[in-house]
Amino acid sequence: MTLHPRATGLRVGVVGAGRVGAVLAAALRAAGHEIVAAAGESDASRTRIADLLPGVPTLKPTAVARTCDLLLLTVPDDMLRNVVTTLSDAGAIRPGQYVVHTSGRHGLEVLQPAAAVGARVVAMHPAMTFTGTAIDLERLSAEFGGGCVFGLTAGDAERPLAESLVADLGGTPMWVPEEMRTLYHAGLAHGANHLVTLVTQAMEMLAAAGADDPAGTLRPLLTAALDNALEHGDAALTGPIVRGDVNTVRAHLADIRANAPQTLTSYVALARNTLDRAVTDGRVLPIRAAAILRALDAAERPVRAPSHVRRP
């Protein structure tokens, strides 16, 4: 069956009904596409299919691939190549069929086995954190008023279909060159995943300092800081490092070591990066920067026992 690139009402099958797959399939269903089958091995996946895709049969991956016009692959990055190869070798993927994956890291190369049998391939990664629940359906089209951004990679012939799918999902397309897919994904992971680690560690420090509600204490500050950073970049930096307050930085390091030592390594690493950026744009004088750097270096040295304490 040959499909017009902007066809509506596609027969869609999804392999990997995890947090992303079940939600995207539900959104495509709401946009008028038919979800003909889904594959999911775990109890959690089967529950998501029942909750978000009621009435959709759960089949084996090869059976899903054979029943659809558009195959949506939402499996983990490291499994993707094996899944594509297995389905292609089994004859489950056919010429003219659309095969779309949602990996951030991968582009079209990972879909080569499908392309080799004549399938039309697309990489379509949603730049959003998913819960795997109906909450995500609103977030897809409502994120910051413009919809979730989708990192797209496709050939010229498949571009209209890719853009049409993103429009159906209420999102915004961003075209990513094949050779830049990994860097694109690294930027998202660095910003989102490491932000979670940073915020969690900040809450641990506040809890150690006696805060009853660390999250509530941080929320207004972090919300403003995030908005300012997205709007102004480095110009949004504030705090003791940008002000060159060496003694405050030393005091931070001492108290962190004493009360929340598990956060010291990341504090020092991020302080170094912040200092580099503040020196580069001229907000911290070199003499103060050198003093802060010595304090950070000292904080990373192992604490030595006093000379009068005998070692066992």
C-alpha atoms as a PDB file:
ATOM      1  CA  MET A   1       0.000   0.000   0.000  1.00  0.00           C
ATOM      2  CA  THR A   2       1.479   3.350  -1.029  1.00  0.00           C
ATOM      3  CA  LEU A   3       0.618   6.203   1.322  1.00  0.00           C
ATOM      4  CA  HIS A   4       0.393   9.867   0.557  1.00  0.00           C
ATOM      5  CA  PRO A   5       2.964  11.656   2.772  1.00  0.00           C
ATOM      6  CA  ARG A   6       0.217  13.724   4.409  1.00  0.00           C
ATOM      7  CA  ALA A   7      -2.250  10.901   4.771  1.00  0.00           C
ATOM      8  CA  THR A   8      -4.554  10.892   7.759  1.00  0.00           C
ATOM      9  CA  GLY A   9      -6.097   7.907   9.464  1.00  0.00           C
ATOM     10  CA  LEU A  10      -2.972   5.765   9.303  1.00  0.00           C
ATOM     11  CA  ARG A  11      -2.994   2.248  10.728  1.00  0.00           C
ATOM     12  CA  VAL A  12      -0.397   2.544  13.486  1.00  0.00           C
ATOM     13  CA  GLY A  13       1.321  -0.214  15.439  1.00  0.00           C
ATOM     14  CA  VAL A  14       3.538   0.434  18.455  1.00  0.00           C
ATOM     15  CA  VAL A  15       6.363  -1.790  19.655  1.00  0.00           C
ATOM     16  CA  GLY A  16       7.462  -0.904  23.171  1.00  0.00           C
ATOM     17  CA  ALA A  17       4.450   0.333  25.127  1.00  0.00           C
ATOM     18  CA  GLY A  18       6.534   2.099  27.763  1.00  0.00           C
ATOM     19  CA  ARG A  19       5.976   5.589  29.092  1.00  0.00           C
ATOM     20  CA  VAL A  20       6.606   7.172  25.686  1.00  0.00           C
ATOM     21  CA  GLY A  21       5.038   4.648  23.330  1.00  0.00           C
ATOM     22  CA  ALA A  22       1.655   4.312  24.984  1.00  0.00           C
ATOM     23  CA  VAL A  23       1.256   8.088  25.321  1.00  0.00           C
ATOM     24  CA  LEU A  24       2.237   8.880  21.724  1.00  0.00           C
ATOM     25  CA  ALA A  25      -0.033   6.134  20.445  1.00  0.00           C
ATOM     26  CA  ALA A  26      -2.930   7.522  22.499  1.00  0.00           C
ATOM     27  CA  ALA A  27      -2.270  11.008  21.126  1.00  0.00           C
ATOM     28  CA  LEU A  28      -2.185   9.728  17.541  1.00  0.00           C
ATOM     29  CA  ARG A  29      -5.416   7.855  18.173  1.00  0.00           C
ATOM     30  CA  ALA A  30      -7.045  11.057  19.419  1.00  0.00           C
ATOM     31  CA  ALA A  31      -5.837  12.771  16.220  1.00  0.00           C
ATOM     32  CA  GLY A  32      -7.715  10.288  14.053  1.00  0.00           C
ATOM     33  CA  HIS A  33      -5.220   7.497  13.438  1.00  0.00           C
ATOM     34  CA  GLU A  34      -6.109   3.878  14.134  1.00  0.00           C
ATOM     35  CA  ILE A  35      -3.900   2.056  16.641  1.00  0.00           C
ATOM     36  CA  VAL A  36      -4.185  -1.499  15.388  1.00  0.00           C
ATOM     37  CA  ALA A  37      -1.906  -3.297  17.859  1.00  0.00           C
ATOM     38  CA  ALA A  38       0.719  -2.791  20.536  1.00  0.00           C
ATOM     39  CA  ALA A  39       3.557  -4.898  21.905  1.00  0.00           C
ATOM     40  CA  GLY A  40       4.567  -4.780  25.550  1.00  0.00           C
ATOM     41  CA  GLU A  41       6.082  -7.546  27.625  1.00  0.00           C
ATOM     42  CA  SER A  42       6.034  -6.163  31.168  1.00  0.00           C
ATOM     43  CA  ASP A  43       3.043  -5.878  33.473  1.00  0.00           C
ATOM     44  CA  ALA A  44       3.531  -2.092  33.504  1.00  0.00           C
ATOM     45  CA  SER A  45       3.372  -1.957  29.693  1.00  0.00           C
ATOM     46  CA  ARG A  46       0.237  -4.059  29.585  1.00  0.00           C
ATOM     47  CA  THR A  47      -1.366  -1.814  32.193  1.00  0.00           C
ATOM     48  CA  ARG A  48      -0.512   1.273  30.135  1.00  0.00           C
ATOM     49  CA  ILE A  49      -2.025  -0.322  27.034  1.00  0.00           C
ATOM     50  CA  ALA A  50      -5.215  -1.065  28.956  1.00  0.00           C
ATOM     51  CA  ASP A  51      -5.392   2.434  30.447  1.00  0.00           C
ATOM     52  CA  LEU A  52      -4.342   4.575  27.480  1.00  0.00           C
ATOM     53  CA  LEU A  53      -5.261   2.337  24.543  1.00  0.00           C
ATOM     54  CA  PRO A  54      -8.421   0.494  25.582  1.00  0.00           C
ATOM     55  CA  GLY A  55      -9.507  -2.104  23.060  1.00  0.00           C
ATOM     56  CA  VAL A  56      -6.111  -2.273  21.308  1.00  0.00           C
ATOM     57  CA  PRO A  57      -4.858  -5.866  21.122  1.00  0.00           C
ATOM     58  CA  THR A  58      -1.491  -6.779  22.624  1.00  0.00           C
ATOM     59  CA  LEU A  59       0.517  -8.809  20.106  1.00  0.00           C
ATOM     60  CA  LYS A  60       4.062  -9.980  19.510  1.00  0.00           C
ATOM     61  CA  PRO A  61       6.343  -7.386  17.825  1.00  0.00           C
ATOM     62  CA  THR A  62       6.375  -9.234  14.500  1.00  0.00           C
ATOM     63  CA  ALA A  63       2.569  -9.417  14.450  1.00  0.00           C
ATOM     64  CA  VAL A  64       2.323  -5.705  15.284  1.00  0.00           C
ATOM     65  CA  ALA A  65       4.691  -4.822  12.442  1.00  0.00           C
ATOM     66  CA  ARG A  66       2.713  -6.900   9.928  1.00  0.00           C
ATOM     67  CA  THR A  67      -0.616  -5.247  10.765  1.00  0.00           C
ATOM     68  CA  CYS A  68       0.272  -1.565  10.388  1.00  0.00           C
ATOM     69  CA  ASP A  69       1.100   1.105   7.822  1.00  0.00           C
ATOM     70  CA  LEU A  70       3.200   3.057  10.313  1.00  0.00           C
ATOM     71  CA  LEU A  71       5.335   1.167  12.825  1.00  0.00           C
ATOM     72  CA  LEU A  72       6.237   3.210  15.906  1.00  0.00           C
ATOM     73  CA  LEU A  73       9.310   1.848  17.695  1.00  0.00           C
ATOM     74  CA  THR A  74       9.548   3.190  21.251  1.00  0.00           C
ATOM     75  CA  VAL A  75      12.025   0.715  22.732  1.00  0.00           C
ATOM     76  CA  PRO A  76      15.140   1.700  24.763  1.00  0.00           C
ATOM     77  CA  ASP A  77      18.055   3.106  22.747  1.00  0.00           C
ATOM     78  CA  ASP A  78      20.320   0.094  23.263  1.00  0.00           C
ATOM     79  CA  MET A  79      17.596  -2.325  22.111  1.00  0.00           C
ATOM     80  CA  LEU A  80      16.559  -0.431  18.999  1.00  0.00           C
ATOM     81  CA  ARG A  81      19.073  -1.826  16.517  1.00  0.00           C
ATOM     82  CA  ASN A  82      18.339  -5.415  17.523  1.00  0.00           C
ATOM     83  CA  VAL A  83      14.570  -4.876  17.289  1.00  0.00           C
ATOM     84  CA  VAL A  84      14.822  -3.328  13.806  1.00  0.00           C
ATOM     85  CA  THR A  85      17.133  -6.085  12.596  1.00  0.00           C
ATOM     86  CA  THR A  86      14.955  -8.849  14.020  1.00  0.00           C
ATOM     87  CA  LEU A  87      11.743  -7.468  12.514  1.00  0.00           C
ATOM     88  CA  SER A  88      13.390  -6.874   9.136  1.00  0.00           C
ATOM     89  CA  ASP A  89      14.982 -10.333   9.013  1.00  0.00           C
ATOM     90  CA  ALA A  90      11.632 -11.895   9.929  1.00  0.00           C
ATOM     91  CA  GLY A  91       9.957 -10.230   6.948  1.00  0.00           C
ATOM     92  CA  ALA A  92       7.627  -8.269   9.232  1.00  0.00           C
ATOM     93  CA  ILE A  93       8.636  -4.935   7.692  1.00  0.00           C
ATOM     94  CA  ARG A  94       7.645  -4.322   4.077  1.00  0.00           C
ATOM     95  CA  PRO A  95       8.379  -1.856   1.269  1.00  0.00           C
ATOM     96  CA  GLY A  96       6.539   1.467   1.541  1.00  0.00           C
ATOM     97  CA  GLN A  97       5.791   1.010   5.235  1.00  0.00           C
ATOM     98  CA  TYR A  98       6.738   3.869   7.549  1.00  0.00           C
ATOM     99  CA  VAL A  99       9.062   2.926  10.398  1.00  0.00           C
ATOM    100  CA  VAL A 100       9.454   5.665  13.006  1.00  0.00           C
ATOM    101  CA  HIS A 101      11.574   5.486  16.151  1.00  0.00           C
ATOM    102  CA  THR A 102      11.556   7.861  19.126  1.00  0.00           C
ATOM    103  CA  SER A 103      15.185   7.577  20.257  1.00  0.00           C
ATOM    104  CA  GLY A 104      16.979  10.849  20.924  1.00  0.00           C
ATOM    105  CA  ARG A 105      20.442   9.454  20.359  1.00  0.00           C
ATOM    106  CA  HIS A 106      19.809   7.607  17.107  1.00  0.00           C
ATOM    107  CA  GLY A 107      19.053   8.955  13.677  1.00  0.00           C
ATOM    108  CA  LEU A 108      18.341   7.018  10.494  1.00  0.00           C
ATOM    109  CA  GLU A 109      21.413   4.766  10.437  1.00  0.00           C
ATOM    110  CA  VAL A 110      19.956   2.493  13.123  1.00  0.00           C
ATOM    111  CA  LEU A 111      16.925   1.929  10.855  1.00  0.00           C
ATOM    112  CA  GLN A 112      19.062   0.796   7.905  1.00  0.00           C
ATOM    113  CA  PRO A 113      17.822  -2.827   8.031  1.00  0.00           C
ATOM    114  CA  ALA A 114      14.276  -1.529   7.556  1.00  0.00           C
ATOM    115  CA  ALA A 115      15.333   0.907   4.827  1.00  0.00           C
ATOM    116  CA  ALA A 116      17.125  -1.944   3.056  1.00  0.00           C
ATOM    117  CA  VAL A 117      13.825  -3.781   2.566  1.00  0.00           C
ATOM    118  CA  GLY A 118      12.149  -0.630   1.227  1.00  0.00           C
ATOM    119  CA  ALA A 119      10.627   0.897   4.363  1.00  0.00           C
ATOM    120  CA  ARG A 120      10.444   4.692   4.724  1.00  0.00           C
ATOM    121  CA  VAL A 121      12.289   5.656   7.904  1.00  0.00           C
ATOM    122  CA  VAL A 122      11.997   8.588  10.315  1.00  0.00           C
ATOM    123  CA  ALA A 123      13.595   9.525  13.658  1.00  0.00           C
ATOM    124  CA  MET A 124      11.115  11.454  15.843  1.00  0.00           C
ATOM    125  CA  HIS A 125      12.214  12.174  19.419  1.00  0.00           C
ATOM    126  CA  PRO A 126       9.937  14.053  21.848  1.00  0.00           C
ATOM    127  CA  ALA A 127      11.993  16.420  24.028  1.00  0.00           C
ATOM    128  CA  MET A 128       9.863  15.833  27.098  1.00  0.00           C
ATOM    129  CA  THR A 129       9.888  13.791  30.289  1.00  0.00           C
ATOM    130  CA  PHE A 130       7.058  11.259  30.341  1.00  0.00           C
ATOM    131  CA  THR A 131       5.101   9.781  33.240  1.00  0.00           C
ATOM    132  CA  GLY A 132       3.333   7.215  31.076  1.00  0.00           C
ATOM    133  CA  THR A 133      -0.091   8.507  32.147  1.00  0.00           C
ATOM    134  CA  ALA A 134      -2.873  10.658  30.695  1.00  0.00           C
ATOM    135  CA  ILE A 135      -1.141  13.717  32.201  1.00  0.00           C
ATOM    136  CA  ASP A 136       1.369  13.540  29.338  1.00  0.00           C
ATOM    137  CA  LEU A 137      -1.333  13.971  26.710  1.00  0.00           C
ATOM    138  CA  GLU A 138      -1.940  17.557  27.816  1.00  0.00           C
ATOM    139  CA  ARG A 139       1.766  18.269  28.166  1.00  0.00           C
ATOM    140  CA  LEU A 140       2.484  17.212  24.585  1.00  0.00           C
ATOM    141  CA  SER A 141       0.494  20.094  23.154  1.00  0.00           C
ATOM    142  CA  ALA A 142       0.626  22.529  26.066  1.00  0.00           C
ATOM    143  CA  GLU A 143       4.328  22.640  26.952  1.00  0.00           C
ATOM    144  CA  PHE A 144       5.179  26.339  27.215  1.00  0.00           C
ATOM    145  CA  GLY A 145       2.338  27.184  24.844  1.00  0.00           C
ATOM    146  CA  GLY A 146       4.074  25.881  21.715  1.00  0.00           C
ATOM    147  CA  GLY A 147       3.810  22.148  22.192  1.00  0.00           C
ATOM    148  CA  CYS A 148       6.552  19.625  22.874  1.00  0.00           C
ATOM    149  CA  VAL A 149       9.551  19.958  20.547  1.00  0.00           C
ATOM    150  CA  PHE A 150      10.278  16.845  18.471  1.00  0.00           C
ATOM    151  CA  GLY A 151      13.811  16.261  17.194  1.00  0.00           C
ATOM    152  CA  LEU A 152      13.290  15.026  13.623  1.00  0.00           C
ATOM    153  CA  THR A 153      15.616  13.367  11.143  1.00  0.00           C
ATOM    154  CA  ALA A 154      14.269  12.108   7.819  1.00  0.00           C
ATOM    155  CA  GLY A 155      14.934  12.016   4.111  1.00  0.00           C
ATOM    156  CA  ASP A 156      13.366  14.608   1.828  1.00  0.00           C
ATOM    157  CA  ALA A 157      10.544  12.266   0.831  1.00  0.00           C
ATOM    158  CA  GLU A 158       9.609  11.498   4.437  1.00  0.00           C
ATOM    159  CA  ARG A 159       9.770  15.054   5.783  1.00  0.00           C
ATOM    160  CA  PRO A 160       6.114  15.930   5.106  1.00  0.00           C
ATOM    161  CA  LEU A 161       4.933  12.800   6.932  1.00  0.00           C
ATOM    162  CA  ALA A 162       7.228  13.535   9.896  1.00  0.00           C
ATOM    163  CA  GLU A 163       5.959  17.098  10.171  1.00  0.00           C
ATOM    164  CA  SER A 164       2.376  15.901   9.837  1.00  0.00           C
ATOM    165  CA  LEU A 165       2.809  13.448  12.716  1.00  0.00           C
ATOM    166  CA  VAL A 166       4.280  16.152  14.935  1.00  0.00           C
ATOM    167  CA  ALA A 167       1.369  18.445  14.085  1.00  0.00           C
ATOM    168  CA  ASP A 168      -1.066  15.656  14.986  1.00  0.00           C
ATOM    169  CA  LEU A 169       0.722  15.322  18.322  1.00  0.00           C
ATOM    170  CA  GLY A 170       0.393  19.064  18.974  1.00  0.00           C
ATOM    171  CA  GLY A 171       4.156  19.491  18.887  1.00  0.00           C
ATOM    172  CA  THR A 172       6.800  21.660  17.240  1.00  0.00           C
ATOM    173  CA  PRO A 173       9.332  20.172  14.764  1.00  0.00           C
ATOM    174  CA  MET A 174      13.081  20.694  15.095  1.00  0.00           C
ATOM    175  CA  TRP A 175      15.215  19.241  12.319  1.00  0.00           C
ATOM    176  CA  VAL A 176      18.418  17.576  13.565  1.00  0.00           C
ATOM    177  CA  PRO A 177      21.166  16.482  11.127  1.00  0.00           C
ATOM    178  CA  GLU A 178      22.010  12.776  11.300  1.00  0.00           C
ATOM    179  CA  GLU A 179      25.543  13.441  12.540  1.00  0.00           C
ATOM    180  CA  MET A 180      24.289  15.699  15.366  1.00  0.00           C
ATOM    181  CA  ARG A 181      21.709  13.356  16.912  1.00  0.00           C
ATOM    182  CA  THR A 182      23.936  12.261  19.793  1.00  0.00           C
ATOM    183  CA  LEU A 183      24.954  15.815  20.680  1.00  0.00           C
ATOM    184  CA  TYR A 184      21.313  16.899  20.518  1.00  0.00           C
ATOM    185  CA  HIS A 185      20.391  14.126  22.934  1.00  0.00           C
ATOM    186  CA  ALA A 186      23.342  14.861  25.218  1.00  0.00           C
ATOM    187  CA  GLY A 187      22.165  18.475  25.545  1.00  0.00           C
ATOM    188  CA  LEU A 188      18.716  17.334  26.611  1.00  0.00           C
ATOM    189  CA  ALA A 189      20.052  14.729  29.039  1.00  0.00           C
ATOM    190  CA  HIS A 190      22.542  17.164  30.549  1.00  0.00           C
ATOM    191  CA  GLY A 191      19.843  19.759  31.064  1.00  0.00           C
ATOM    192  CA  ALA A 192      17.027  17.523  32.301  1.00  0.00           C
ATOM    193  CA  ASN A 193      18.614  14.492  33.959  1.00  0.00           C
ATOM    194  CA  HIS A 194      21.408  16.367  35.674  1.00  0.00           C
ATOM    195  CA  LEU A 195      18.956  19.033  36.780  1.00  0.00           C
ATOM    196  CA  VAL A 196      17.110  16.352  38.745  1.00  0.00           C
ATOM    197  CA  THR A 197      20.362  15.329  40.451  1.00  0.00           C
ATOM    198  CA  LEU A 198      21.240  18.942  41.204  1.00  0.00           C
ATOM    199  CA  VAL A 199      17.815  19.778  42.661  1.00  0.00           C
ATOM    200  CA  THR A 200      17.754  16.584  44.729  1.00  0.00           C
ATOM    201  CA  GLN A 201      21.157  17.388  46.207  1.00  0.00           C
ATOM    202  CA  ALA A 202      20.085  20.948  46.975  1.00  0.00           C
ATOM    203  CA  MET A 203      17.071  19.530  48.852  1.00  0.00           C
ATOM    204  CA  GLU A 204      19.390  17.220  50.785  1.00  0.00           C
ATOM    205  CA  MET A 205      21.490  20.208  51.882  1.00  0.00           C
ATOM    206  CA  LEU A 206      18.409  22.126  52.996  1.00  0.00           C
ATOM    207  CA  ALA A 207      17.055  19.106  54.852  1.00  0.00           C
ATOM    208  CA  ALA A 208      20.387  18.776  56.664  1.00  0.00           C
ATOM    209  CA  ALA A 209      20.121  22.484  57.528  1.00  0.00           C
ATOM    210  CA  GLY A 210      16.724  21.842  59.143  1.00  0.00           C
ATOM    211  CA  ALA A 211      14.249  22.832  56.415  1.00  0.00           C
ATOM    212  CA  ASP A 212      10.834  21.227  56.961  1.00  0.00           C
ATOM    213  CA  ASP A 213       9.906  21.631  53.294  1.00  0.00           C
ATOM    214  CA  PRO A 214      13.052  21.703  51.122  1.00  0.00           C
ATOM    215  CA  ALA A 215      11.033  21.520  47.898  1.00  0.00           C
ATOM    216  CA  GLY A 216       8.794  24.414  48.893  1.00  0.00           C
ATOM    217  CA  THR A 217      11.829  26.444  49.914  1.00  0.00           C
ATOM    218  CA  LEU A 218      13.506  25.905  46.541  1.00  0.00           C
ATOM    219  CA  ARG A 219      10.507  26.138  44.212  1.00  0.00           C
ATOM    220  CA  PRO A 220      10.233  29.958  43.860  1.00  0.00           C
ATOM    221  CA  LEU A 221      14.012  30.347  43.587  1.00  0.00           C
ATOM    222  CA  LEU A 222      14.476  27.571  41.050  1.00  0.00           C
ATOM    223  CA  THR A 223      11.495  28.628  38.966  1.00  0.00           C
ATOM    224  CA  ALA A 224      12.872  32.146  38.665  1.00  0.00           C
ATOM    225  CA  ALA A 225      16.430  30.896  38.042  1.00  0.00           C
ATOM    226  CA  LEU A 226      15.279  28.532  35.288  1.00  0.00           C
ATOM    227  CA  ASP A 227      13.203  31.202  33.565  1.00  0.00           C
ATOM    228  CA  ASN A 228      16.080  33.705  33.784  1.00  0.00           C
ATOM    229  CA  ALA A 229      18.632  31.185  32.496  1.00  0.00           C
ATOM    230  CA  LEU A 230      16.454  30.228  29.521  1.00  0.00           C
ATOM    231  CA  GLU A 231      15.883  33.896  28.726  1.00  0.00           C
ATOM    232  CA  HIS A 232      19.314  35.394  29.441  1.00  0.00           C
ATOM    233  CA  GLY A 233      21.896  32.581  29.598  1.00  0.00           C
ATOM    234  CA  ASP A 234      25.034  33.393  31.595  1.00  0.00           C
ATOM    235  CA  ALA A 235      23.750  36.873  32.365  1.00  0.00           C
ATOM    236  CA  ALA A 236      21.310  35.212  34.796  1.00  0.00           C
ATOM    237  CA  LEU A 237      24.138  33.975  37.042  1.00  0.00           C
ATOM    238  CA  THR A 238      24.067  35.279  40.607  1.00  0.00           C
ATOM    239  CA  GLY A 239      25.602  34.166  43.895  1.00  0.00           C
ATOM    240  CA  PRO A 240      28.920  34.137  45.720  1.00  0.00           C
ATOM    241  CA  ILE A 241      31.089  32.909  42.847  1.00  0.00           C
ATOM    242  CA  VAL A 242      29.927  35.614  40.447  1.00  0.00           C
ATOM    243  CA  ARG A 243      30.407  38.184  43.233  1.00  0.00           C
ATOM    244  CA  GLY A 244      33.888  36.832  44.009  1.00  0.00           C
ATOM    245  CA  ASP A 245      32.961  36.115  47.654  1.00  0.00           C
ATOM    246  CA  VAL A 246      35.862  33.787  48.464  1.00  0.00           C
ATOM    247  CA  ASN A 247      35.078  33.423  52.165  1.00  0.00           C
ATOM    248  CA  THR A 248      31.465  32.495  51.477  1.00  0.00           C
ATOM    249  CA  VAL A 249      32.585  29.787  49.066  1.00  0.00           C
ATOM    250  CA  ARG A 250      35.046  28.461  51.669  1.00  0.00           C
ATOM    251  CA  ALA A 251      32.276  28.403  54.284  1.00  0.00           C
ATOM    252  CA  HIS A 252      29.963  26.542  51.890  1.00  0.00           C
ATOM    253  CA  LEU A 253      32.594  23.920  51.232  1.00  0.00           C
ATOM    254  CA  ALA A 254      33.322  23.366  54.928  1.00  0.00           C
ATOM    255  CA  ASP A 255      29.667  22.985  55.891  1.00  0.00           C
ATOM    256  CA  ILE A 256      28.875  20.747  52.913  1.00  0.00           C
ATOM    257  CA  ARG A 257      31.783  18.470  53.815  1.00  0.00           C
ATOM    258  CA  ALA A 258      30.558  18.288  57.418  1.00  0.00           C
ATOM    259  CA  ASN A 259      26.820  17.892  56.830  1.00  0.00           C
ATOM    260  CA  ALA A 260      26.104  16.747  53.261  1.00  0.00           C
ATOM    261  CA  PRO A 261      29.363  15.226  51.985  1.00  0.00           C
ATOM    262  CA  GLN A 262      27.573  13.251  49.241  1.00  0.00           C
ATOM    263  CA  THR A 263      26.940  16.557  47.431  1.00  0.00           C
ATOM    264  CA  LEU A 264      30.483  17.966  47.660  1.00  0.00           C
ATOM    265  CA  THR A 265      31.833  16.552  44.388  1.00  0.00           C
ATOM    266  CA  SER A 266      29.069  18.006  42.231  1.00  0.00           C
ATOM    267  CA  TYR A 267      29.133  21.346  44.093  1.00  0.00           C
ATOM    268  CA  VAL A 268      32.862  21.678  43.364  1.00  0.00           C
ATOM    269  CA  ALA A 269      32.494  20.605  39.720  1.00  0.00           C
ATOM    270  CA  LEU A 270      29.681  23.051  39.030  1.00  0.00           C
ATOM    271  CA  ALA A 271      31.441  25.810  40.968  1.00  0.00           C
ATOM    272  CA  ARG A 272      34.483  25.370  38.698  1.00  0.00           C
ATOM    273  CA  ASN A 273      32.329  25.656  35.590  1.00  0.00           C
ATOM    274  CA  THR A 274      30.487  28.664  36.969  1.00  0.00           C
ATOM    275  CA  LEU A 275      33.794  30.337  37.828  1.00  0.00           C
ATOM    276  CA  ASP A 276      35.137  29.732  34.305  1.00  0.00           C
ATOM    277  CA  ARG A 277      32.092  31.372  32.754  1.00  0.00           C
ATOM    278  CA  ALA A 278      32.160  34.320  35.166  1.00  0.00           C
ATOM    279  CA  VAL A 279      35.871  34.929  34.488  1.00  0.00           C
ATOM    280  CA  THR A 280      35.371  34.707  30.732  1.00  0.00           C
ATOM    281  CA  ASP A 281      32.739  37.452  30.694  1.00  0.00           C
ATOM    282  CA  GLY A 282      34.744  39.631  33.102  1.00  0.00           C
ATOM    283  CA  ARG A 283      32.531  39.561  36.176  1.00  0.00           C
ATOM    284  CA  VAL A 284      35.176  38.003  38.431  1.00  0.00           C
ATOM    285  CA  LEU A 285      38.679  39.458  38.616  1.00  0.00           C
ATOM    286  CA  PRO A 286      41.515  36.974  38.015  1.00  0.00           C
ATOM    287  CA  ILE A 287      42.961  37.478  41.534  1.00  0.00           C
ATOM    288  CA  ARG A 288      39.622  36.567  43.159  1.00  0.00           C
ATOM    289  CA  ALA A 289      39.099  33.716  40.713  1.00  0.00           C
ATOM    290  CA  ALA A 290      42.486  32.269  41.693  1.00  0.00           C
ATOM    291  CA  ALA A 291      41.532  32.385  45.384  1.00  0.00           C
ATOM    292  CA  ILE A 292      38.216  30.641  44.729  1.00  0.00           C
ATOM    293  CA  LEU A 293      39.985  28.025  42.641  1.00  0.00           C
ATOM    294  CA  ARG A 294      42.430  27.315  45.488  1.00  0.00           C
ATOM    295  CA  ALA A 295      39.482  26.830  47.850  1.00  0.00           C
ATOM    296  CA  LEU A 296      37.858  24.387  45.422  1.00  0.00           C
ATOM    297  CA  ASP A 297      41.141  22.503  44.999  1.00  0.00           C
ATOM    298  CA  ALA A 298      41.541  22.235  48.770  1.00  0.00           C
ATOM    299  CA  ALA A 299      38.000  20.933  49.192  1.00  0.00           C
ATOM    300  CA  GLU A 300      38.776  17.965  46.959  1.00  0.00           C
ATOM    301  CA  ARG A 301      41.809  16.865  48.957  1.00  0.00           C
ATOM    302  CA  PRO A 302      41.237  14.022  51.427  1.00  0.00           C
ATOM    303  CA  VAL A 303      40.815  15.116  55.027  1.00  0.00           C
ATOM    304  CA  ARG A 304      43.884  14.121  57.022  1.00  0.00           C
ATOM    305  CA  ALA A 305      43.623  12.947  60.604  1.00  0.00           C
ATOM    306  CA  PRO A 306      45.343  15.237  63.172  1.00  0.00           C
ATOM    307  CA  SER A 307      48.998  14.354  63.727  1.00  0.00           C
ATOM    308  CA  HIS A 308      48.335  13.382  67.377  1.00  0.00           C
ATOM    309  CA  VAL A 309      45.751  10.747  66.385  1.00  0.00           C
ATOM    310  CA  ARG A 310      47.224   7.302  66.023  1.00  0.00           C
ATOM    311  CA  ARG A 311      46.219   5.320  63.003  1.00  0.00           C
ATOM    312  CA  PRO A 312      45.161   1.735  63.611  1.00  0.00           C
END
